[in-house]
Amino acid sequence: MVEGWLPMKIYLDNCCLNRPFDDLNNDMVRMEAEAVMSIIDRCERGEDVLASSDVLFDEIDSNPNLARKQKVLVLYQSAKAHI
């Protein structure tokens, strides 16, 4: 973290958290997935703060694809703030 820099609180919606698990053969999808993972990486290093919400958890939990839901929940666990 840069001295004097305050971390940003970042809220990624359900669509963002699912993006890394989409078909990455499309260049745009791959770049978006890389951006999401970069943001999550910054949050895991403490440079920024990933925010969660009850609504976001409900959206993730309603995913009928259990394998994908589990993967998204792993990303969701990076959230350290609740709004």
N, C-alpha and C. Protein backbone atom coordinates (compact mmCIF):
# COMPACT_ATOMS: atom_id res chain seq x y z
N MET A 1 0.84 -1.18 0.00
CA MET A 1 0.00 0.00 0.00
C MET A 1 0.89 1.24 0.00
N VAL A 2 0.49 2.24 -0.74
CA VAL A 2 1.23 3.49 -0.82
C VAL A 2 0.95 4.30 0.44
N GLU A 3 1.99 4.85 1.03
CA GLU A 3 1.84 5.64 2.24
C GLU A 3 0.90 6.82 1.99
N GLY A 4 -0.05 7.02 2.89
CA GLY A 4 -1.01 8.10 2.74
C GLY A 4 -2.20 7.75 1.86
N TRP A 5 -2.19 6.58 1.27
CA TRP A 5 -3.26 6.16 0.37
C TRP A 5 -4.32 5.44 1.19
N LEU A 6 -5.56 5.86 1.05
CA LEU A 6 -6.65 5.19 1.74
C LEU A 6 -7.25 4.12 0.82
N PRO A 7 -7.50 2.94 1.36
CA PRO A 7 -8.09 1.89 0.52
C PRO A 7 -9.50 2.26 0.07
N MET A 8 -9.83 1.86 -1.14
CA MET A 8 -11.18 2.05 -1.65
C MET A 8 -12.06 0.90 -1.20
N LYS A 9 -13.32 1.19 -0.93
CA LYS A 9 -14.30 0.14 -0.67
C LYS A 9 -14.94 -0.17 -2.03
N ILE A 10 -14.84 -1.42 -2.46
CA ILE A 10 -15.30 -1.83 -3.78
C ILE A 10 -16.41 -2.87 -3.64
N TYR A 11 -17.48 -2.64 -4.39
CA TYR A 11 -18.60 -3.58 -4.41
C TYR A 11 -18.69 -4.18 -5.80
N LEU A 12 -18.47 -5.48 -5.90
CA LEU A 12 -18.63 -6.20 -7.16
C LEU A 12 -19.96 -6.94 -7.12
N ASP A 13 -20.79 -6.74 -8.12
CA ASP A 13 -22.08 -7.41 -8.12
C ASP A 13 -21.92 -8.88 -8.53
N ASN A 14 -23.03 -9.60 -8.50
CA ASN A 14 -23.04 -11.03 -8.80
C ASN A 14 -22.49 -11.33 -10.19
N CYS A 15 -22.82 -10.49 -11.15
CA CYS A 15 -22.33 -10.67 -12.52
C CYS A 15 -20.80 -10.61 -12.55
N CYS A 16 -20.24 -9.64 -11.84
CA CYS A 16 -18.78 -9.51 -11.79
C CYS A 16 -18.14 -10.73 -11.16
N LEU A 17 -18.70 -11.18 -10.05
CA LEU A 17 -18.10 -12.32 -9.35
C LEU A 17 -18.21 -13.61 -10.14
N ASN A 18 -19.17 -13.70 -11.04
CA ASN A 18 -19.31 -14.88 -11.89
C ASN A 18 -18.41 -14.82 -13.12
N ARG A 19 -17.98 -13.63 -13.52
CA ARG A 19 -17.25 -13.46 -14.78
C ARG A 19 -16.01 -14.36 -14.91
N PRO A 20 -15.21 -14.55 -13.86
CA PRO A 20 -14.02 -15.41 -14.02
C PRO A 20 -14.34 -16.86 -14.37
N PHE A 21 -15.59 -17.26 -14.22
CA PHE A 21 -15.97 -18.65 -14.47
C PHE A 21 -16.76 -18.82 -15.77
N ASP A 22 -16.83 -17.75 -16.56
CA ASP A 22 -17.45 -17.81 -17.88
C ASP A 22 -16.44 -18.36 -18.90
N ASP A 23 -16.89 -18.58 -20.13
CA ASP A 23 -16.02 -19.06 -21.21
C ASP A 23 -15.02 -17.97 -21.55
N LEU A 24 -13.76 -18.21 -21.28
CA LEU A 24 -12.71 -17.20 -21.45
C LEU A 24 -12.11 -17.19 -22.85
N ASN A 25 -12.72 -17.88 -23.79
CA ASN A 25 -12.23 -17.86 -25.17
C ASN A 25 -12.49 -16.53 -25.86
N ASN A 26 -13.51 -15.81 -25.41
CA ASN A 26 -13.81 -14.48 -25.94
C ASN A 26 -12.88 -13.47 -25.28
N ASP A 27 -12.19 -12.66 -26.08
CA ASP A 27 -11.21 -11.71 -25.55
C ASP A 27 -11.80 -10.76 -24.52
N MET A 28 -13.00 -10.23 -24.79
CA MET A 28 -13.61 -9.27 -23.87
C MET A 28 -13.95 -9.94 -22.54
N VAL A 29 -14.49 -11.13 -22.60
CA VAL A 29 -14.83 -11.87 -21.38
C VAL A 29 -13.57 -12.16 -20.57
N ARG A 30 -12.50 -12.56 -21.27
CA ARG A 30 -11.23 -12.85 -20.59
C ARG A 30 -10.67 -11.61 -19.92
N MET A 31 -10.70 -10.46 -20.60
CA MET A 31 -10.19 -9.22 -20.01
C MET A 31 -11.02 -8.79 -18.81
N GLU A 32 -12.33 -8.95 -18.90
CA GLU A 32 -13.19 -8.61 -17.77
C GLU A 32 -12.91 -9.54 -16.58
N ALA A 33 -12.71 -10.82 -16.85
CA ALA A 33 -12.38 -11.79 -15.79
C ALA A 33 -11.06 -11.44 -15.14
N GLU A 34 -10.07 -11.05 -15.94
CA GLU A 34 -8.77 -10.65 -15.39
C GLU A 34 -8.91 -9.40 -14.53
N ALA A 35 -9.75 -8.47 -14.94
CA ALA A 35 -9.97 -7.25 -14.16
C ALA A 35 -10.60 -7.58 -12.81
N VAL A 36 -11.59 -8.46 -12.81
CA VAL A 36 -12.24 -8.85 -11.56
C VAL A 36 -11.23 -9.52 -10.64
N MET A 37 -10.44 -10.43 -11.17
CA MET A 37 -9.45 -11.13 -10.34
C MET A 37 -8.38 -10.17 -9.83
N SER A 38 -8.03 -9.18 -10.61
CA SER A 38 -7.07 -8.16 -10.18
C SER A 38 -7.62 -7.37 -9.01
N ILE A 39 -8.89 -7.00 -9.08
CA ILE A 39 -9.53 -6.26 -7.98
C ILE A 39 -9.56 -7.11 -6.72
N ILE A 40 -9.94 -8.37 -6.86
CA ILE A 40 -10.00 -9.26 -5.71
C ILE A 40 -8.62 -9.46 -5.11
N ASP A 41 -7.61 -9.59 -5.96
CA ASP A 41 -6.23 -9.73 -5.49
C ASP A 41 -5.81 -8.50 -4.67
N ARG A 42 -6.14 -7.31 -5.15
CA ARG A 42 -5.82 -6.08 -4.41
C ARG A 42 -6.51 -6.09 -3.04
N CYS A 43 -7.75 -6.56 -3.02
CA CYS A 43 -8.49 -6.61 -1.75
C CYS A 43 -7.88 -7.64 -0.80
N GLU A 44 -7.47 -8.77 -1.32
CA GLU A 44 -6.85 -9.79 -0.46
C GLU A 44 -5.51 -9.33 0.09
N ARG A 45 -4.82 -8.46 -0.64
CA ARG A 45 -3.55 -7.90 -0.15
C ARG A 45 -3.76 -6.72 0.78
N GLY A 46 -5.01 -6.29 0.96
CA GLY A 46 -5.30 -5.18 1.86
C GLY A 46 -5.16 -3.81 1.23
N GLU A 47 -4.97 -3.76 -0.08
CA GLU A 47 -4.83 -2.47 -0.75
C GLU A 47 -6.19 -1.78 -0.92
N ASP A 48 -7.23 -2.56 -1.06
CA ASP A 48 -8.59 -2.07 -1.14
C ASP A 48 -9.45 -3.01 -0.31
N VAL A 49 -10.74 -2.68 -0.16
CA VAL A 49 -11.65 -3.49 0.66
C VAL A 49 -12.84 -3.91 -0.20
N LEU A 50 -13.04 -5.21 -0.29
CA LEU A 50 -14.19 -5.74 -1.01
C LEU A 50 -15.40 -5.72 -0.08
N ALA A 51 -16.51 -5.18 -0.58
CA ALA A 51 -17.74 -5.08 0.22
C ALA A 51 -18.75 -6.14 -0.22
N SER A 52 -19.51 -6.62 0.73
CA SER A 52 -20.58 -7.58 0.48
C SER A 52 -21.91 -6.96 0.90
N SER A 53 -22.99 -7.68 0.62
CA SER A 53 -24.32 -7.25 1.07
C SER A 53 -25.22 -8.47 1.18
N ASP A 54 -26.31 -8.30 1.90
CA ASP A 54 -27.29 -9.39 2.00
C ASP A 54 -27.87 -9.73 0.64
N VAL A 55 -28.15 -8.70 -0.16
CA VAL A 55 -28.71 -8.92 -1.49
C VAL A 55 -27.75 -9.71 -2.36
N LEU A 56 -26.47 -9.36 -2.32
CA LEU A 56 -25.48 -10.07 -3.11
C LEU A 56 -25.41 -11.54 -2.68
N PHE A 57 -25.39 -11.79 -1.38
CA PHE A 57 -25.35 -13.18 -0.92
C PHE A 57 -26.58 -13.94 -1.40
N ASP A 58 -27.76 -13.32 -1.32
CA ASP A 58 -28.97 -13.99 -1.79
C ASP A 58 -28.90 -14.31 -3.28
N GLU A 59 -28.33 -13.39 -4.08
CA GLU A 59 -28.20 -13.65 -5.52
C GLU A 59 -27.24 -14.81 -5.78
N ILE A 60 -26.14 -14.82 -5.07
CA ILE A 60 -25.17 -15.91 -5.24
C ILE A 60 -25.81 -17.23 -4.81
N ASP A 61 -26.48 -17.20 -3.67
CA ASP A 61 -27.08 -18.41 -3.11
C ASP A 61 -28.18 -18.99 -3.99
N SER A 62 -28.82 -18.16 -4.81
CA SER A 62 -29.91 -18.64 -5.65
C SER A 62 -29.43 -19.27 -6.96
N ASN A 63 -28.11 -19.30 -7.19
CA ASN A 63 -27.57 -19.89 -8.40
C ASN A 63 -27.81 -21.41 -8.37
N PRO A 64 -28.53 -21.96 -9.34
CA PRO A 64 -28.81 -23.40 -9.34
C PRO A 64 -27.59 -24.26 -9.70
N ASN A 65 -26.56 -23.65 -10.29
CA ASN A 65 -25.33 -24.37 -10.64
C ASN A 65 -24.46 -24.44 -9.39
N LEU A 66 -24.50 -25.56 -8.69
CA LEU A 66 -23.81 -25.69 -7.40
C LEU A 66 -22.31 -25.53 -7.51
N ALA A 67 -21.71 -26.06 -8.56
CA ALA A 67 -20.26 -25.95 -8.72
C ALA A 67 -19.86 -24.49 -8.88
N ARG A 68 -20.59 -23.76 -9.72
CA ARG A 68 -20.28 -22.34 -9.93
C ARG A 68 -20.54 -21.55 -8.65
N LYS A 69 -21.64 -21.86 -7.97
CA LYS A 69 -21.96 -21.15 -6.74
C LYS A 69 -20.82 -21.29 -5.73
N GLN A 70 -20.26 -22.49 -5.60
CA GLN A 70 -19.16 -22.70 -4.67
C GLN A 70 -17.94 -21.86 -5.05
N LYS A 71 -17.64 -21.78 -6.34
CA LYS A 71 -16.50 -20.98 -6.80
C LYS A 71 -16.72 -19.50 -6.51
N VAL A 72 -17.93 -19.02 -6.75
CA VAL A 72 -18.23 -17.61 -6.51
C VAL A 72 -18.18 -17.32 -5.01
N LEU A 73 -18.64 -18.25 -4.19
CA LEU A 73 -18.59 -18.04 -2.74
C LEU A 73 -17.15 -17.93 -2.24
N VAL A 74 -16.22 -18.62 -2.89
CA VAL A 74 -14.81 -18.48 -2.51
C VAL A 74 -14.35 -17.04 -2.75
N LEU A 75 -14.73 -16.46 -3.89
CA LEU A 75 -14.39 -15.07 -4.16
C LEU A 75 -15.09 -14.14 -3.17
N TYR A 76 -16.35 -14.43 -2.87
CA TYR A 76 -17.16 -13.63 -1.96
C TYR A 76 -16.53 -13.58 -0.57
N GLN A 77 -15.83 -14.63 -0.18
CA GLN A 77 -15.20 -14.67 1.15
C GLN A 77 -14.11 -13.62 1.31
N SER A 78 -13.67 -13.03 0.21
CA SER A 78 -12.66 -11.98 0.28
C SER A 78 -13.23 -10.68 0.83
N ALA A 79 -14.57 -10.58 0.89
CA ALA A 79 -15.22 -9.36 1.36
C ALA A 79 -14.96 -9.16 2.85
N LYS A 80 -14.51 -7.97 3.20
CA LYS A 80 -14.21 -7.63 4.59
C LYS A 80 -15.13 -6.53 5.12
N ALA A 81 -15.99 -5.98 4.25
CA ALA A 81 -16.94 -4.95 4.66
C ALA A 81 -18.33 -5.40 4.25
N HIS A 82 -19.32 -4.99 5.01
CA HIS A 82 -20.71 -5.34 4.69
C HIS A 82 -21.52 -4.06 4.59
N ILE A 83 -22.27 -3.94 3.50
CA ILE A 83 -23.11 -2.75 3.34
C ILE A 83 -24.56 -3.14 3.20
